[in-house]
Amino acid sequence: MMRQVEEPKERYDSKMRSIASGGETLGEGLLKWGREVMELEINESYGQTGTER
């Protein structure tokens, strides 16, 4: 949703330095947007969501 806002960093006066994301891969486009527009790193995390017996 933030990608649809013009100049989100200036509009919201964001002080974020990084964001953690879990689940689906975000894609290079969104990671690049985070670096260039929001001036932050989006850190993707992954791991097992269940175990087998």
Protein backbone atom coordinates (compact mmCIF):
# COMPACT_ATOMS: atom_id res chain seq x y z
CA MET A 1 0.00 0.00 0.00
CA MET A 2 2.82 2.42 0.73
CA ARG A 3 4.07 2.03 -2.85
CA GLN A 4 0.88 3.75 -4.02
CA VAL A 5 1.55 6.90 -1.94
CA GLU A 6 3.53 9.70 -3.56
CA GLU A 7 6.67 10.55 -1.56
CA PRO A 8 5.75 8.39 1.45
CA LYS A 9 8.92 9.15 3.43
CA GLU A 10 8.25 12.89 3.36
CA ARG A 11 4.50 12.56 3.81
CA TYR A 12 4.72 10.38 6.92
CA ASP A 13 8.03 11.65 8.33
CA SER A 14 9.20 8.06 8.76
CA LYS A 15 12.04 7.30 11.15
CA MET A 16 12.21 3.57 10.34
CA ARG A 17 15.64 2.13 9.54
CA SER A 18 14.64 -1.43 8.74
CA ILE A 19 11.60 -3.67 8.35
CA ALA A 20 11.37 -7.42 8.98
CA SER A 21 9.20 -9.52 6.70
CA GLY A 22 8.21 -13.17 7.06
CA GLY A 23 6.37 -15.47 4.71
CA GLU A 24 6.32 -15.14 0.93
CA THR A 25 9.33 -13.78 -0.94
CA LEU A 26 8.84 -10.08 -1.58
CA GLY A 27 10.66 -9.74 -4.87
CA GLU A 28 13.50 -7.53 -6.00
CA GLY A 29 11.18 -4.66 -6.99
CA LEU A 30 9.86 -4.16 -3.48
CA LEU A 31 13.31 -4.54 -1.90
CA LYS A 32 14.68 -1.92 -4.31
CA TRP A 33 11.75 0.40 -3.54
CA GLY A 34 12.51 0.11 0.18
CA ARG A 35 16.13 1.11 -0.37
CA GLU A 36 15.53 3.91 -2.87
CA VAL A 37 12.26 5.49 -1.69
CA MET A 38 12.11 4.74 2.04
CA GLU A 39 15.90 4.63 2.57
CA LEU A 40 15.68 1.41 4.60
CA GLU A 41 16.40 -2.28 4.26
CA ILE A 42 13.61 -4.84 4.17
CA ASN A 43 14.94 -8.00 5.84
CA GLU A 44 13.26 -11.20 4.72
CA SER A 45 13.08 -14.09 7.17
CA TYR A 46 12.02 -17.65 6.60
CA GLY A 47 11.87 -20.94 8.43
CA GLN A 48 9.78 -24.00 9.02
CA THR A 49 6.14 -23.30 9.78
CA GLY A 50 5.26 -26.79 10.93
CA THR A 51 6.76 -30.09 11.93
CA GLU A 52 6.05 -33.68 10.98
CA ARG A 53 5.80 -36.51 13.50
